[in-house]
Amino acid sequence: MSSTNSLTVESGSNERWKFLRDVVVFQLKMFLDNVRDFALMPISLFAALIDLIFKGKGHGSLFYQVLRWGAHSEEVINVYSAIEAHERPRVNPNYTVDAVIARLEGVLVRECEKGGTAASIKAAMDRAIDQIQIETSAITRPSEGSGGASGEEIPQQAQPRAARLRFRELVHLCPLFMFAYDRISSAD
């Protein structure tokens, strides 16, 4: 009886230590990943500047080499390796950062080609952001009448503003795009 009890205690202890190890390793990897990201920002901008000034093998060859290095280092760090044995969350390909930027870029290009003013471009961007918000709300929100987990739903009139706020938070990752969006927004 005591041997069964000691096995249970030992396996529980091993799980606890594995968990604590995963926590410490995750924090270390996050630190390394952030240092890498912090270094990649100026390095990639400097590489792009060099590519703009000096023509190399092709347009952006140095910049894309930096991106390849960044992608490789991301795989080496493998921040989320602790969940490899678990099911990873699925990502809707329509709502990745690249997909959302492509949609907004398409709106911007269409409006510019039509000769749109800053106000019409801003209105078109707001409509696109509102549409993305409605689409993602429909995906994440339970069916009408079920109440949802919190029992509260975002009022319909607040949804577009909430979408713009989330978009502005996302855009802070890209200072040049933020600058352009602020210029268009301030044109009203």
C-alpha atoms as a PDB file:
ATOM      1  CA  MET A   1       0.000   0.000   0.000  1.00  0.00           C
ATOM      2  CA  SER A   2       2.798   2.403   0.814  1.00  0.00           C
ATOM      3  CA  SER A   3       4.513   1.698  -2.526  1.00  0.00           C
ATOM      4  CA  THR A   4       1.356   2.793  -4.412  1.00  0.00           C
ATOM      5  CA  ASN A   5       1.140   5.897  -2.272  1.00  0.00           C
ATOM      6  CA  SER A   6       4.813   6.789  -2.866  1.00  0.00           C
ATOM      7  CA  LEU A   7       4.356   6.364  -6.647  1.00  0.00           C
ATOM      8  CA  THR A   8       1.435   8.780  -6.578  1.00  0.00           C
ATOM      9  CA  VAL A   9       3.398  11.341  -4.578  1.00  0.00           C
ATOM     10  CA  GLU A  10       6.454  10.909  -6.825  1.00  0.00           C
ATOM     11  CA  SER A  11       4.475  11.305 -10.079  1.00  0.00           C
ATOM     12  CA  GLY A  12       2.698  14.383  -8.674  1.00  0.00           C
ATOM     13  CA  SER A  13       6.035  15.828  -7.644  1.00  0.00           C
ATOM     14  CA  ASN A  14       7.486  15.151 -11.120  1.00  0.00           C
ATOM     15  CA  GLU A  15       4.526  16.891 -12.766  1.00  0.00           C
ATOM     16  CA  ARG A  16       4.973  19.892 -10.474  1.00  0.00           C
ATOM     17  CA  TRP A  17       8.682  20.158 -11.259  1.00  0.00           C
ATOM     18  CA  LYS A  18       8.004  19.779 -14.994  1.00  0.00           C
ATOM     19  CA  PHE A  19       5.424  22.560 -14.722  1.00  0.00           C
ATOM     20  CA  LEU A  20       7.814  24.829 -12.796  1.00  0.00           C
ATOM     21  CA  ARG A  21      10.572  24.060 -15.311  1.00  0.00           C
ATOM     22  CA  ASP A  22       8.208  24.958 -18.176  1.00  0.00           C
ATOM     23  CA  VAL A  23       7.348  28.262 -16.469  1.00  0.00           C
ATOM     24  CA  VAL A  24      11.016  29.199 -15.976  1.00  0.00           C
ATOM     25  CA  VAL A  25      12.015  28.109 -19.499  1.00  0.00           C
ATOM     26  CA  PHE A  26       9.054  29.995 -20.999  1.00  0.00           C
ATOM     27  CA  GLN A  27      10.068  33.192 -19.199  1.00  0.00           C
ATOM     28  CA  LEU A  28      13.667  32.784 -20.382  1.00  0.00           C
ATOM     29  CA  LYS A  29      12.536  32.156 -23.954  1.00  0.00           C
ATOM     30  CA  MET A  30      10.188  35.162 -23.847  1.00  0.00           C
ATOM     31  CA  PHE A  31      13.096  37.305 -22.670  1.00  0.00           C
ATOM     32  CA  LEU A  32      15.315  36.009 -25.498  1.00  0.00           C
ATOM     33  CA  ASP A  33      12.515  36.467 -28.028  1.00  0.00           C
ATOM     34  CA  ASN A  34      11.924  40.056 -26.894  1.00  0.00           C
ATOM     35  CA  VAL A  35      15.635  40.884 -27.000  1.00  0.00           C
ATOM     36  CA  ARG A  36      15.738  39.426 -30.514  1.00  0.00           C
ATOM     37  CA  ASP A  37      12.684  41.460 -31.558  1.00  0.00           C
ATOM     38  CA  PHE A  38      14.123  44.614 -30.003  1.00  0.00           C
ATOM     39  CA  ALA A  39      17.366  44.089 -31.945  1.00  0.00           C
ATOM     40  CA  LEU A  40      15.572  43.216 -35.190  1.00  0.00           C
ATOM     41  CA  MET A  41      13.690  46.511 -35.322  1.00  0.00           C
ATOM     42  CA  PRO A  42      16.692  48.791 -35.891  1.00  0.00           C
ATOM     43  CA  ILE A  43      18.680  46.132 -37.772  1.00  0.00           C
ATOM     44  CA  SER A  44      15.851  45.565 -40.275  1.00  0.00           C
ATOM     45  CA  LEU A  45      15.331  49.314 -40.750  1.00  0.00           C
ATOM     46  CA  PHE A  46      19.074  49.806 -41.255  1.00  0.00           C
ATOM     47  CA  ALA A  47      19.182  46.919 -43.759  1.00  0.00           C
ATOM     48  CA  ALA A  48      16.206  48.412 -45.629  1.00  0.00           C
ATOM     49  CA  LEU A  49      17.923  51.804 -45.719  1.00  0.00           C
ATOM     50  CA  ILE A  50      21.093  50.236 -47.119  1.00  0.00           C
ATOM     51  CA  ASP A  51      18.973  48.390 -49.715  1.00  0.00           C
ATOM     52  CA  LEU A  52      17.324  51.664 -50.736  1.00  0.00           C
ATOM     53  CA  ILE A  53      20.628  53.512 -51.102  1.00  0.00           C
ATOM     54  CA  PHE A  54      22.853  50.802 -52.579  1.00  0.00           C
ATOM     55  CA  LYS A  55      21.526  48.414 -55.180  1.00  0.00           C
ATOM     56  CA  GLY A  56      22.625  44.921 -54.266  1.00  0.00           C
ATOM     57  CA  LYS A  57      21.713  41.586 -55.819  1.00  0.00           C
ATOM     58  CA  GLY A  58      18.058  42.632 -55.907  1.00  0.00           C
ATOM     59  CA  HIS A  59      15.597  44.972 -54.269  1.00  0.00           C
ATOM     60  CA  GLY A  60      15.635  44.345 -50.534  1.00  0.00           C
ATOM     61  CA  SER A  61      18.169  41.511 -50.575  1.00  0.00           C
ATOM     62  CA  LEU A  62      19.800  42.577 -47.292  1.00  0.00           C
ATOM     63  CA  PHE A  63      16.439  43.263 -45.658  1.00  0.00           C
ATOM     64  CA  TYR A  64      15.097  39.829 -46.622  1.00  0.00           C
ATOM     65  CA  GLN A  65      18.291  38.230 -45.351  1.00  0.00           C
ATOM     66  CA  VAL A  66      17.625  39.860 -41.974  1.00  0.00           C
ATOM     67  CA  LEU A  67      14.051  38.495 -42.097  1.00  0.00           C
ATOM     68  CA  ARG A  68      15.366  34.990 -42.846  1.00  0.00           C
ATOM     69  CA  TRP A  69      17.720  35.284 -39.876  1.00  0.00           C
ATOM     70  CA  GLY A  70      14.813  36.451 -37.694  1.00  0.00           C
ATOM     71  CA  ALA A  71      12.590  33.564 -38.828  1.00  0.00           C
ATOM     72  CA  HIS A  72      15.393  31.070 -38.178  1.00  0.00           C
ATOM     73  CA  SER A  73      16.099  32.489 -34.727  1.00  0.00           C
ATOM     74  CA  GLU A  74      12.372  32.322 -33.924  1.00  0.00           C
ATOM     75  CA  GLU A  75      12.396  28.606 -34.699  1.00  0.00           C
ATOM     76  CA  VAL A  76      15.549  28.115 -32.616  1.00  0.00           C
ATOM     77  CA  ILE A  77      14.035  29.901 -29.597  1.00  0.00           C
ATOM     78  CA  ASN A  78      10.672  28.078 -30.045  1.00  0.00           C
ATOM     79  CA  VAL A  79       8.912  30.008 -27.290  1.00  0.00           C
ATOM     80  CA  TYR A  80       5.849  27.773 -27.140  1.00  0.00           C
ATOM     81  CA  SER A  81       7.593  24.400 -27.130  1.00  0.00           C
ATOM     82  CA  ALA A  82       6.024  23.567 -23.755  1.00  0.00           C
ATOM     83  CA  ILE A  83       2.650  23.007 -25.450  1.00  0.00           C
ATOM     84  CA  GLU A  84       3.871  20.797 -28.285  1.00  0.00           C
ATOM     85  CA  ALA A  85       2.134  17.832 -26.660  1.00  0.00           C
ATOM     86  CA  HIS A  86      -1.116  19.829 -26.413  1.00  0.00           C
ATOM     87  CA  GLU A  87      -3.474  20.944 -29.146  1.00  0.00           C
ATOM     88  CA  ARG A  88      -2.538  24.394 -30.374  1.00  0.00           C
ATOM     89  CA  PRO A  89      -5.275  26.953 -30.898  1.00  0.00           C
ATOM     90  CA  ARG A  90      -6.529  27.210 -34.463  1.00  0.00           C
ATOM     91  CA  VAL A  91      -6.088  30.476 -36.301  1.00  0.00           C
ATOM     92  CA  ASN A  92      -8.637  31.713 -38.777  1.00  0.00           C
ATOM     93  CA  PRO A  93      -6.506  32.704 -41.805  1.00  0.00           C
ATOM     94  CA  ASN A  94      -8.888  35.598 -42.541  1.00  0.00           C
ATOM     95  CA  TYR A  95      -7.986  37.332 -39.278  1.00  0.00           C
ATOM     96  CA  THR A  96      -4.214  37.059 -39.057  1.00  0.00           C
ATOM     97  CA  VAL A  97      -2.287  40.320 -38.924  1.00  0.00           C
ATOM     98  CA  ASP A  98      -1.205  39.808 -42.559  1.00  0.00           C
ATOM     99  CA  ALA A  99      -4.788  39.177 -43.724  1.00  0.00           C
ATOM    100  CA  VAL A 100      -6.186  42.225 -41.913  1.00  0.00           C
ATOM    101  CA  ILE A 101      -3.392  44.449 -43.240  1.00  0.00           C
ATOM    102  CA  ALA A 102      -3.984  43.100 -46.770  1.00  0.00           C
ATOM    103  CA  ARG A 103      -7.698  43.938 -46.508  1.00  0.00           C
ATOM    104  CA  LEU A 104      -7.014  47.442 -45.221  1.00  0.00           C
ATOM    105  CA  GLU A 105      -4.290  47.953 -47.806  1.00  0.00           C
ATOM    106  CA  GLY A 106      -6.763  46.918 -50.528  1.00  0.00           C
ATOM    107  CA  VAL A 107      -9.249  49.506 -49.266  1.00  0.00           C
ATOM    108  CA  LEU A 108      -6.542  52.164 -49.187  1.00  0.00           C
ATOM    109  CA  VAL A 109      -5.338  51.358 -52.719  1.00  0.00           C
ATOM    110  CA  ARG A 110      -8.905  51.347 -54.135  1.00  0.00           C
ATOM    111  CA  GLU A 111      -9.706  54.698 -52.514  1.00  0.00           C
ATOM    112  CA  CYS A 112      -6.453  56.258 -53.720  1.00  0.00           C
ATOM    113  CA  GLU A 113      -7.038  54.953 -57.256  1.00  0.00           C
ATOM    114  CA  LYS A 114     -10.497  56.545 -57.195  1.00  0.00           C
ATOM    115  CA  GLY A 115      -8.816  59.823 -56.239  1.00  0.00           C
ATOM    116  CA  GLY A 116     -10.298  59.823 -52.762  1.00  0.00           C
ATOM    117  CA  THR A 117      -9.721  62.608 -50.300  1.00  0.00           C
ATOM    118  CA  ALA A 118      -8.300  62.071 -46.845  1.00  0.00           C
ATOM    119  CA  ALA A 119     -11.843  62.098 -45.431  1.00  0.00           C
ATOM    120  CA  SER A 120     -13.139  59.513 -47.927  1.00  0.00           C
ATOM    121  CA  ILE A 121     -10.094  57.309 -47.330  1.00  0.00           C
ATOM    122  CA  LYS A 122     -10.634  57.532 -43.566  1.00  0.00           C
ATOM    123  CA  ALA A 123     -14.343  56.718 -43.985  1.00  0.00           C
ATOM    124  CA  ALA A 124     -13.511  53.702 -46.164  1.00  0.00           C
ATOM    125  CA  MET A 125     -10.921  52.492 -43.656  1.00  0.00           C
ATOM    126  CA  ASP A 126     -13.430  52.928 -40.822  1.00  0.00           C
ATOM    127  CA  ARG A 127     -16.032  50.919 -42.762  1.00  0.00           C
ATOM    128  CA  ALA A 128     -13.471  48.146 -43.375  1.00  0.00           C
ATOM    129  CA  ILE A 129     -12.474  48.090 -39.696  1.00  0.00           C
ATOM    130  CA  ASP A 130     -16.149  48.051 -38.692  1.00  0.00           C
ATOM    131  CA  GLN A 131     -16.751  45.107 -41.051  1.00  0.00           C
ATOM    132  CA  ILE A 132     -13.803  43.179 -39.577  1.00  0.00           C
ATOM    133  CA  GLN A 133     -15.187  43.887 -36.091  1.00  0.00           C
ATOM    134  CA  ILE A 134     -18.646  42.616 -37.060  1.00  0.00           C
ATOM    135  CA  GLU A 135     -17.169  39.483 -38.639  1.00  0.00           C
ATOM    136  CA  THR A 136     -14.964  38.673 -35.667  1.00  0.00           C
ATOM    137  CA  SER A 137     -17.796  39.407 -33.228  1.00  0.00           C
ATOM    138  CA  ALA A 138     -20.009  36.961 -35.100  1.00  0.00           C
ATOM    139  CA  ILE A 139     -17.296  34.301 -34.808  1.00  0.00           C
ATOM    140  CA  THR A 140     -16.446  34.831 -31.144  1.00  0.00           C
ATOM    141  CA  ARG A 141     -19.878  35.787 -29.786  1.00  0.00           C
ATOM    142  CA  PRO A 142     -22.355  33.047 -28.943  1.00  0.00           C
ATOM    143  CA  SER A 143     -25.641  33.004 -30.835  1.00  0.00           C
ATOM    144  CA  GLU A 144     -28.121  35.742 -29.974  1.00  0.00           C
ATOM    145  CA  GLY A 145     -30.176  35.009 -26.882  1.00  0.00           C
ATOM    146  CA  SER A 146     -27.634  32.692 -25.266  1.00  0.00           C
ATOM    147  CA  GLY A 147     -26.210  35.544 -23.221  1.00  0.00           C
ATOM    148  CA  GLY A 148     -22.517  34.694 -23.551  1.00  0.00           C
ATOM    149  CA  ALA A 149     -20.040  33.945 -20.806  1.00  0.00           C
ATOM    150  CA  SER A 150     -20.201  37.343 -19.157  1.00  0.00           C
ATOM    151  CA  GLY A 151     -23.861  37.932 -19.896  1.00  0.00           C
ATOM    152  CA  GLU A 152     -22.954  41.273 -21.461  1.00  0.00           C
ATOM    153  CA  GLU A 153     -22.710  42.075 -25.114  1.00  0.00           C
ATOM    154  CA  ILE A 154     -21.146  45.077 -26.744  1.00  0.00           C
ATOM    155  CA  PRO A 155     -23.918  47.465 -27.796  1.00  0.00           C
ATOM    156  CA  GLN A 156     -24.266  47.670 -31.586  1.00  0.00           C
ATOM    157  CA  GLN A 157     -23.314  51.370 -31.699  1.00  0.00           C
ATOM    158  CA  ALA A 158     -20.138  50.720 -29.655  1.00  0.00           C
ATOM    159  CA  GLN A 159     -18.847  47.956 -31.937  1.00  0.00           C
ATOM    160  CA  PRO A 160     -17.254  50.178 -34.629  1.00  0.00           C
ATOM    161  CA  ARG A 161     -15.497  52.318 -31.998  1.00  0.00           C
ATOM    162  CA  ALA A 162     -14.252  49.183 -30.219  1.00  0.00           C
ATOM    163  CA  ALA A 163     -12.923  47.873 -33.526  1.00  0.00           C
ATOM    164  CA  ARG A 164     -11.024  51.088 -34.194  1.00  0.00           C
ATOM    165  CA  LEU A 165      -9.562  51.053 -30.687  1.00  0.00           C
ATOM    166  CA  ARG A 166      -8.355  47.455 -31.080  1.00  0.00           C
ATOM    167  CA  PHE A 167      -6.995  48.293 -34.528  1.00  0.00           C
ATOM    168  CA  ARG A 168      -5.148  51.324 -33.159  1.00  0.00           C
ATOM    169  CA  GLU A 169      -3.600  49.084 -30.476  1.00  0.00           C
ATOM    170  CA  LEU A 170      -2.480  46.676 -33.194  1.00  0.00           C
ATOM    171  CA  VAL A 171      -1.183  49.490 -35.370  1.00  0.00           C
ATOM    172  CA  HIS A 172       1.121  50.699 -32.593  1.00  0.00           C
ATOM    173  CA  LEU A 173       3.277  47.776 -33.677  1.00  0.00           C
ATOM    174  CA  CYS A 174       3.923  49.595 -36.943  1.00  0.00           C
ATOM    175  CA  PRO A 175       4.829  53.265 -36.336  1.00  0.00           C
ATOM    176  CA  LEU A 176       4.760  54.268 -40.016  1.00  0.00           C
ATOM    177  CA  PHE A 177       1.254  52.900 -40.526  1.00  0.00           C
ATOM    178  CA  MET A 178       0.170  54.597 -37.292  1.00  0.00           C
ATOM    179  CA  PHE A 179       1.560  57.899 -38.547  1.00  0.00           C
ATOM    180  CA  ALA A 180      -0.375  57.548 -41.818  1.00  0.00           C
ATOM    181  CA  TYR A 181      -3.588  56.528 -40.030  1.00  0.00           C
ATOM    182  CA  ASP A 182      -3.302  59.488 -37.620  1.00  0.00           C
ATOM    183  CA  ARG A 183      -2.787  61.879 -40.549  1.00  0.00           C
ATOM    184  CA  ILE A 184      -5.890  60.530 -42.289  1.00  0.00           C
ATOM    185  CA  SER A 185      -7.878  60.619 -39.010  1.00  0.00           C
ATOM    186  CA  SER A 186      -6.865  64.195 -38.219  1.00  0.00           C
ATOM    187  CA  ALA A 187      -7.979  65.396 -41.648  1.00  0.00           C
ATOM    188  CA  ASP A 188     -11.627  65.472 -40.482  1.00  0.00           C
END
